[in-house]
Amino acid sequence: MAYFYLDDGNPESEDYESNYLYFNADDPGCIQKMTMLAQILESVPVCQKRSVAEKFLQREMSG
């Protein structure tokens, strides 16, 4: 088990469980998707990161 941390820009954001996306680090497909997500989020403003991440994950999980 591993996690992807989304800093939402709020104070103490690391204290909120909803800012962590947990995934199976033993699955190469999961690692690849989380790497793609990290690359996408590099250019996204902090205030939009959660929305972009949710859309990305919905798309990846549905197809």
PDB file of N, CA and C in Angstrom:
ATOM      1  N   MET A   1       0.848  -1.170   0.000  1.00  0.00           N
ATOM      2  CA  MET A   1       0.000   0.000   0.000  1.00  0.00           C
ATOM      3  C   MET A   1       0.897   1.237   0.000  1.00  0.00           C
ATOM      4  N   ALA A   2       0.529   2.202  -0.809  1.00  0.00           N
ATOM      5  CA  ALA A   2       1.231   3.479  -0.887  1.00  0.00           C
ATOM      6  C   ALA A   2       0.181   4.570  -1.027  1.00  0.00           C
ATOM      7  N   TYR A   3       0.621   5.797  -0.968  1.00  0.00           N
ATOM      8  CA  TYR A   3      -0.345   6.878  -1.125  1.00  0.00           C
ATOM      9  C   TYR A   3       0.239   8.017  -1.945  1.00  0.00           C
ATOM     10  N   PHE A   4      -0.663   8.761  -2.545  1.00  0.00           N
ATOM     11  CA  PHE A   4      -0.363   9.953  -3.314  1.00  0.00           C
ATOM     12  C   PHE A   4      -0.981  11.099  -2.528  1.00  0.00           C
ATOM     13  N   TYR A   5      -0.172  12.055  -2.129  1.00  0.00           N
ATOM     14  CA  TYR A   5      -0.652  13.162  -1.296  1.00  0.00           C
ATOM     15  C   TYR A   5      -0.998  14.365  -2.160  1.00  0.00           C
ATOM     16  N   LEU A   6      -2.202  14.883  -1.975  1.00  0.00           N
ATOM     17  CA  LEU A   6      -2.639  16.088  -2.662  1.00  0.00           C
ATOM     18  C   LEU A   6      -2.670  17.239  -1.667  1.00  0.00           C
ATOM     19  N   ASP A   7      -1.777  18.192  -1.829  1.00  0.00           N
ATOM     20  CA  ASP A   7      -1.776  19.372  -0.972  1.00  0.00           C
ATOM     21  C   ASP A   7      -2.819  20.330  -1.527  1.00  0.00           C
ATOM     22  N   ASP A   8      -3.868  20.572  -0.761  1.00  0.00           N
ATOM     23  CA  ASP A   8      -4.938  21.441  -1.237  1.00  0.00           C
ATOM     24  C   ASP A   8      -4.710  22.903  -0.895  1.00  0.00           C
ATOM     25  N   GLY A   9      -3.551  23.208  -0.333  1.00  0.00           N
ATOM     26  CA  GLY A   9      -3.196  24.577  -0.039  1.00  0.00           C
ATOM     27  C   GLY A   9      -3.720  25.102   1.283  1.00  0.00           C
ATOM     28  N   ASN A  10      -4.504  24.324   1.977  1.00  0.00           N
ATOM     29  CA  ASN A  10      -5.030  24.745   3.271  1.00  0.00           C
ATOM     30  C   ASN A  10      -4.033  24.430   4.379  1.00  0.00           C
ATOM     31  N   PRO A  11      -4.056  25.237   5.449  1.00  0.00           N
ATOM     32  CA  PRO A  11      -3.174  24.933   6.582  1.00  0.00           C
ATOM     33  C   PRO A  11      -3.462  23.532   7.122  1.00  0.00           C
ATOM     34  N   GLU A  12      -2.425  22.838   7.480  1.00  0.00           N
ATOM     35  CA  GLU A  12      -2.550  21.498   8.052  1.00  0.00           C
ATOM     36  C   GLU A  12      -3.237  20.509   7.111  1.00  0.00           C
ATOM     37  N   SER A  13      -3.065  20.691   5.819  1.00  0.00           N
ATOM     38  CA  SER A  13      -3.732  19.818   4.855  1.00  0.00           C
ATOM     39  C   SER A  13      -3.309  18.361   4.998  1.00  0.00           C
ATOM     40  N   GLU A  14      -2.101  18.134   5.540  1.00  0.00           N
ATOM     41  CA  GLU A  14      -1.650  16.748   5.704  1.00  0.00           C
ATOM     42  C   GLU A  14      -2.418  16.016   6.798  1.00  0.00           C
ATOM     43  N   ASP A  15      -3.207  16.743   7.595  1.00  0.00           N
ATOM     44  CA  ASP A  15      -3.997  16.114   8.657  1.00  0.00           C
ATOM     45  C   ASP A  15      -5.311  15.514   8.158  1.00  0.00           C
ATOM     46  N   TYR A  16      -5.678  15.795   6.920  1.00  0.00           N
ATOM     47  CA  TYR A  16      -6.971  15.356   6.408  1.00  0.00           C
ATOM     48  C   TYR A  16      -6.835  14.117   5.527  1.00  0.00           C
ATOM     49  N   GLU A  17      -7.520  13.074   5.917  1.00  0.00           N
ATOM     50  CA  GLU A  17      -7.486  11.796   5.199  1.00  0.00           C
ATOM     51  C   GLU A  17      -7.874  11.952   3.727  1.00  0.00           C
ATOM     52  N   SER A  18      -8.766  12.878   3.434  1.00  0.00           N
ATOM     53  CA  SER A  18      -9.237  13.057   2.059  1.00  0.00           C
ATOM     54  C   SER A  18      -8.162  13.604   1.122  1.00  0.00           C
ATOM     55  N   ASN A  19      -7.028  14.030   1.644  1.00  0.00           N
ATOM     56  CA  ASN A  19      -5.937  14.527   0.808  1.00  0.00           C
ATOM     57  C   ASN A  19      -4.955  13.426   0.408  1.00  0.00           C
ATOM     58  N   TYR A  20      -5.270  12.187   0.755  1.00  0.00           N
ATOM     59  CA  TYR A  20      -4.408  11.051   0.423  1.00  0.00           C
ATOM     60  C   TYR A  20      -5.151  10.084  -0.492  1.00  0.00           C
ATOM     61  N   LEU A  21      -4.515   9.706  -1.585  1.00  0.00           N
ATOM     62  CA  LEU A  21      -5.064   8.704  -2.497  1.00  0.00           C
ATOM     63  C   LEU A  21      -4.240   7.437  -2.291  1.00  0.00           C
ATOM     64  N   TYR A  22      -4.838   6.435  -1.732  1.00  0.00           N
ATOM     65  CA  TYR A  22      -4.134   5.175  -1.477  1.00  0.00           C
ATOM     66  C   TYR A  22      -4.223   4.277  -2.697  1.00  0.00           C
ATOM     67  N   PHE A  23      -3.127   3.576  -2.988  1.00  0.00           N
ATOM     68  CA  PHE A  23      -3.106   2.663  -4.133  1.00  0.00           C
ATOM     69  C   PHE A  23      -2.162   1.507  -3.866  1.00  0.00           C
ATOM     70  N   ASN A  24      -2.289   0.479  -4.675  1.00  0.00           N
ATOM     71  CA  ASN A  24      -1.492  -0.733  -4.544  1.00  0.00           C
ATOM     72  C   ASN A  24      -0.137  -0.526  -5.227  1.00  0.00           C
ATOM     73  N   ALA A  25       0.895  -0.351  -4.447  1.00  0.00           N
ATOM     74  CA  ALA A  25       2.240  -0.098  -4.986  1.00  0.00           C
ATOM     75  C   ALA A  25       2.862  -1.349  -5.605  1.00  0.00           C
ATOM     76  N   ASP A  26       2.257  -2.511  -5.385  1.00  0.00           N
ATOM     77  CA  ASP A  26       2.765  -3.746  -5.986  1.00  0.00           C
ATOM     78  C   ASP A  26       2.260  -3.945  -7.407  1.00  0.00           C
ATOM     79  N   ASP A  27       1.306  -3.126  -7.820  1.00  0.00           N
ATOM     80  CA  ASP A  27       0.708  -3.235  -9.153  1.00  0.00           C
ATOM     81  C   ASP A  27       1.385  -2.233 -10.087  1.00  0.00           C
ATOM     82  N   PRO A  28       2.135  -2.715 -11.076  1.00  0.00           N
ATOM     83  CA  PRO A  28       2.822  -1.807 -11.994  1.00  0.00           C
ATOM     84  C   PRO A  28       1.872  -0.849 -12.715  1.00  0.00           C
ATOM     85  N   GLY A  29       0.657  -1.285 -12.967  1.00  0.00           N
ATOM     86  CA  GLY A  29      -0.330  -0.422 -13.611  1.00  0.00           C
ATOM     87  C   GLY A  29      -0.710   0.756 -12.729  1.00  0.00           C
ATOM     88  N   CYS A  30      -0.832   0.511 -11.441  1.00  0.00           N
ATOM     89  CA  CYS A  30      -1.138   1.595 -10.493  1.00  0.00           C
ATOM     90  C   CYS A  30       0.009   2.591 -10.416  1.00  0.00           C
ATOM     91  N   ILE A  31       1.222   2.086 -10.371  1.00  0.00           N
ATOM     92  CA  ILE A  31       2.395   2.966 -10.328  1.00  0.00           C
ATOM     93  C   ILE A  31       2.429   3.843 -11.576  1.00  0.00           C
ATOM     94  N   GLN A  32       2.165   3.249 -12.721  1.00  0.00           N
ATOM     95  CA  GLN A  32       2.165   3.999 -13.979  1.00  0.00           C
ATOM     96  C   GLN A  32       1.095   5.089 -13.966  1.00  0.00           C
ATOM     97  N   LYS A  33      -0.102   4.771 -13.477  1.00  0.00           N
ATOM     98  CA  LYS A  33      -1.181   5.761 -13.421  1.00  0.00           C
ATOM     99  C   LYS A  33      -0.860   6.892 -12.447  1.00  0.00           C
ATOM    100  N   MET A  34      -0.284   6.559 -11.297  1.00  0.00           N
ATOM    101  CA  MET A  34       0.065   7.594 -10.331  1.00  0.00           C
ATOM    102  C   MET A  34       1.192   8.487 -10.860  1.00  0.00           C
ATOM    103  N   THR A  35       2.102   7.909 -11.633  1.00  0.00           N
ATOM    104  CA  THR A  35       3.162   8.691 -12.258  1.00  0.00           C
ATOM    105  C   THR A  35       2.574   9.647 -13.294  1.00  0.00           C
ATOM    106  N   MET A  36       1.634   9.153 -14.088  1.00  0.00           N
ATOM    107  CA  MET A  36       0.966  10.015 -15.059  1.00  0.00           C
ATOM    108  C   MET A  36       0.213  11.139 -14.354  1.00  0.00           C
ATOM    109  N   LEU A  37      -0.472  10.812 -13.275  1.00  0.00           N
ATOM    110  CA  LEU A  37      -1.200  11.820 -12.513  1.00  0.00           C
ATOM    111  C   LEU A  37      -0.244  12.884 -11.976  1.00  0.00           C
ATOM    112  N   ALA A  38       0.885  12.480 -11.444  1.00  0.00           N
ATOM    113  CA  ALA A  38       1.869  13.436 -10.921  1.00  0.00           C
ATOM    114  C   ALA A  38       2.355  14.369 -12.025  1.00  0.00           C
ATOM    115  N   GLN A  39       2.591  13.836 -13.199  1.00  0.00           N
ATOM    116  CA  GLN A  39       3.048  14.659 -14.318  1.00  0.00           C
ATOM    117  C   GLN A  39       1.976  15.659 -14.740  1.00  0.00           C
ATOM    118  N   ILE A  40       0.736  15.225 -14.754  1.00  0.00           N
ATOM    119  CA  ILE A  40      -0.370  16.119 -15.105  1.00  0.00           C
ATOM    120  C   ILE A  40      -0.501  17.233 -14.079  1.00  0.00           C
ATOM    121  N   LEU A  41      -0.418  16.884 -12.805  1.00  0.00           N
ATOM    122  CA  LEU A  41      -0.646  17.848 -11.732  1.00  0.00           C
ATOM    123  C   LEU A  41       0.480  18.876 -11.579  1.00  0.00           C
ATOM    124  N   GLU A  42       1.638  18.611 -12.170  1.00  0.00           N
ATOM    125  CA  GLU A  42       2.751  19.565 -12.084  1.00  0.00           C
ATOM    126  C   GLU A  42       2.370  20.945 -12.604  1.00  0.00           C
ATOM    127  N   SER A  43       1.539  20.973 -13.630  1.00  0.00           N
ATOM    128  CA  SER A  43       1.212  22.250 -14.271  1.00  0.00           C
ATOM    129  C   SER A  43      -0.166  22.794 -13.862  1.00  0.00           C
ATOM    130  N   VAL A  44      -0.794  22.181 -12.888  1.00  0.00           N
ATOM    131  CA  VAL A  44      -2.132  22.586 -12.466  1.00  0.00           C
ATOM    132  C   VAL A  44      -2.033  23.434 -11.195  1.00  0.00           C
ATOM    133  N   PRO A  45      -2.763  24.559 -11.138  1.00  0.00           N
ATOM    134  CA  PRO A  45      -2.765  25.355  -9.909  1.00  0.00           C
ATOM    135  C   PRO A  45      -3.277  24.552  -8.717  1.00  0.00           C
ATOM    136  N   VAL A  46      -2.774  24.862  -7.532  1.00  0.00           N
ATOM    137  CA  VAL A  46      -3.134  24.122  -6.313  1.00  0.00           C
ATOM    138  C   VAL A  46      -4.648  24.018  -6.145  1.00  0.00           C
ATOM    139  N   CYS A  47      -5.352  25.096  -6.402  1.00  0.00           N
ATOM    140  CA  CYS A  47      -6.802  25.109  -6.173  1.00  0.00           C
ATOM    141  C   CYS A  47      -7.556  24.178  -7.121  1.00  0.00           C
ATOM    142  N   GLN A  48      -6.918  23.690  -8.180  1.00  0.00           N
ATOM    143  CA  GLN A  48      -7.581  22.805  -9.148  1.00  0.00           C
ATOM    144  C   GLN A  48      -7.077  21.371  -9.098  1.00  0.00           C
ATOM    145  N   LYS A  49      -6.062  21.105  -8.292  1.00  0.00           N
ATOM    146  CA  LYS A  49      -5.447  19.778  -8.277  1.00  0.00           C
ATOM    147  C   LYS A  49      -6.436  18.669  -7.916  1.00  0.00           C
ATOM    148  N   ARG A  50      -7.250  18.884  -6.884  1.00  0.00           N
ATOM    149  CA  ARG A  50      -8.194  17.850  -6.468  1.00  0.00           C
ATOM    150  C   ARG A  50      -9.181  17.525  -7.589  1.00  0.00           C
ATOM    151  N   SER A  51      -9.732  18.530  -8.207  1.00  0.00           N
ATOM    152  CA  SER A  51     -10.700  18.319  -9.288  1.00  0.00           C
ATOM    153  C   SER A  51     -10.070  17.565 -10.455  1.00  0.00           C
ATOM    154  N   VAL A  52      -8.878  17.965 -10.844  1.00  0.00           N
ATOM    155  CA  VAL A  52      -8.180  17.304 -11.946  1.00  0.00           C
ATOM    156  C   VAL A  52      -7.860  15.856 -11.584  1.00  0.00           C
ATOM    157  N   ALA A  53      -7.402  15.623 -10.364  1.00  0.00           N
ATOM    158  CA  ALA A  53      -7.085  14.260  -9.919  1.00  0.00           C
ATOM    159  C   ALA A  53      -8.331  13.387  -9.912  1.00  0.00           C
ATOM    160  N   GLU A  54      -9.443  13.915  -9.427  1.00  0.00           N
ATOM    161  CA  GLU A  54     -10.685  13.139  -9.392  1.00  0.00           C
ATOM    162  C   GLU A  54     -11.145  12.781 -10.799  1.00  0.00           C
ATOM    163  N   LYS A  55     -11.081  13.724 -11.715  1.00  0.00           N
ATOM    164  CA  LYS A  55     -11.476  13.455 -13.104  1.00  0.00           C
ATOM    165  C   LYS A  55     -10.560  12.415 -13.734  1.00  0.00           C
ATOM    166  N   PHE A  56      -9.258  12.531 -13.492  1.00  0.00           N
ATOM    167  CA  PHE A  56      -8.297  11.572 -14.024  1.00  0.00           C
ATOM    168  C   PHE A  56      -8.603  10.166 -13.511  1.00  0.00           C
ATOM    169  N   LEU A  57      -8.819  10.050 -12.209  1.00  0.00           N
ATOM    170  CA  LEU A  57      -9.073   8.731 -11.613  1.00  0.00           C
ATOM    171  C   LEU A  57     -10.400   8.156 -12.072  1.00  0.00           C
ATOM    172  N   GLN A  58     -11.420   8.979 -12.224  1.00  0.00           N
ATOM    173  CA  GLN A  58     -12.706   8.483 -12.726  1.00  0.00           C
ATOM    174  C   GLN A  58     -12.539   7.922 -14.134  1.00  0.00           C
ATOM    175  N   ARG A  59     -11.800   8.653 -14.976  1.00  0.00           N
ATOM    176  CA  ARG A  59     -11.572   8.209 -16.344  1.00  0.00           C
ATOM    177  C   ARG A  59     -10.779   6.898 -16.368  1.00  0.00           C
ATOM    178  N   GLU A  60      -9.752   6.806 -15.525  1.00  0.00           N
ATOM    179  CA  GLU A  60      -8.921   5.605 -15.506  1.00  0.00           C
ATOM    180  C   GLU A  60      -9.674   4.394 -14.942  1.00  0.00           C
ATOM    181  N   MET A  61     -10.535   4.619 -13.980  1.00  0.00           N
ATOM    182  CA  MET A  61     -11.273   3.513 -13.372  1.00  0.00           C
ATOM    183  C   MET A  61     -12.420   3.022 -14.246  1.00  0.00           C
ATOM    184  N   SER A  62     -12.951   3.895 -15.099  1.00  0.00           N
ATOM    185  CA  SER A  62     -14.094   3.500 -15.912  1.00  0.00           C
ATOM    186  C   SER A  62     -13.687   2.888 -17.250  1.00  0.00           C
ATOM    187  N   GLY A  63     -12.459   3.067 -17.631  1.00  0.00           N
ATOM    188  CA  GLY A  63     -12.112   2.578 -18.945  1.00  0.00           C
ATOM    189  C   GLY A  63     -10.829   1.930 -18.987  1.00  0.00           C
TER     190      GLY A  63
END
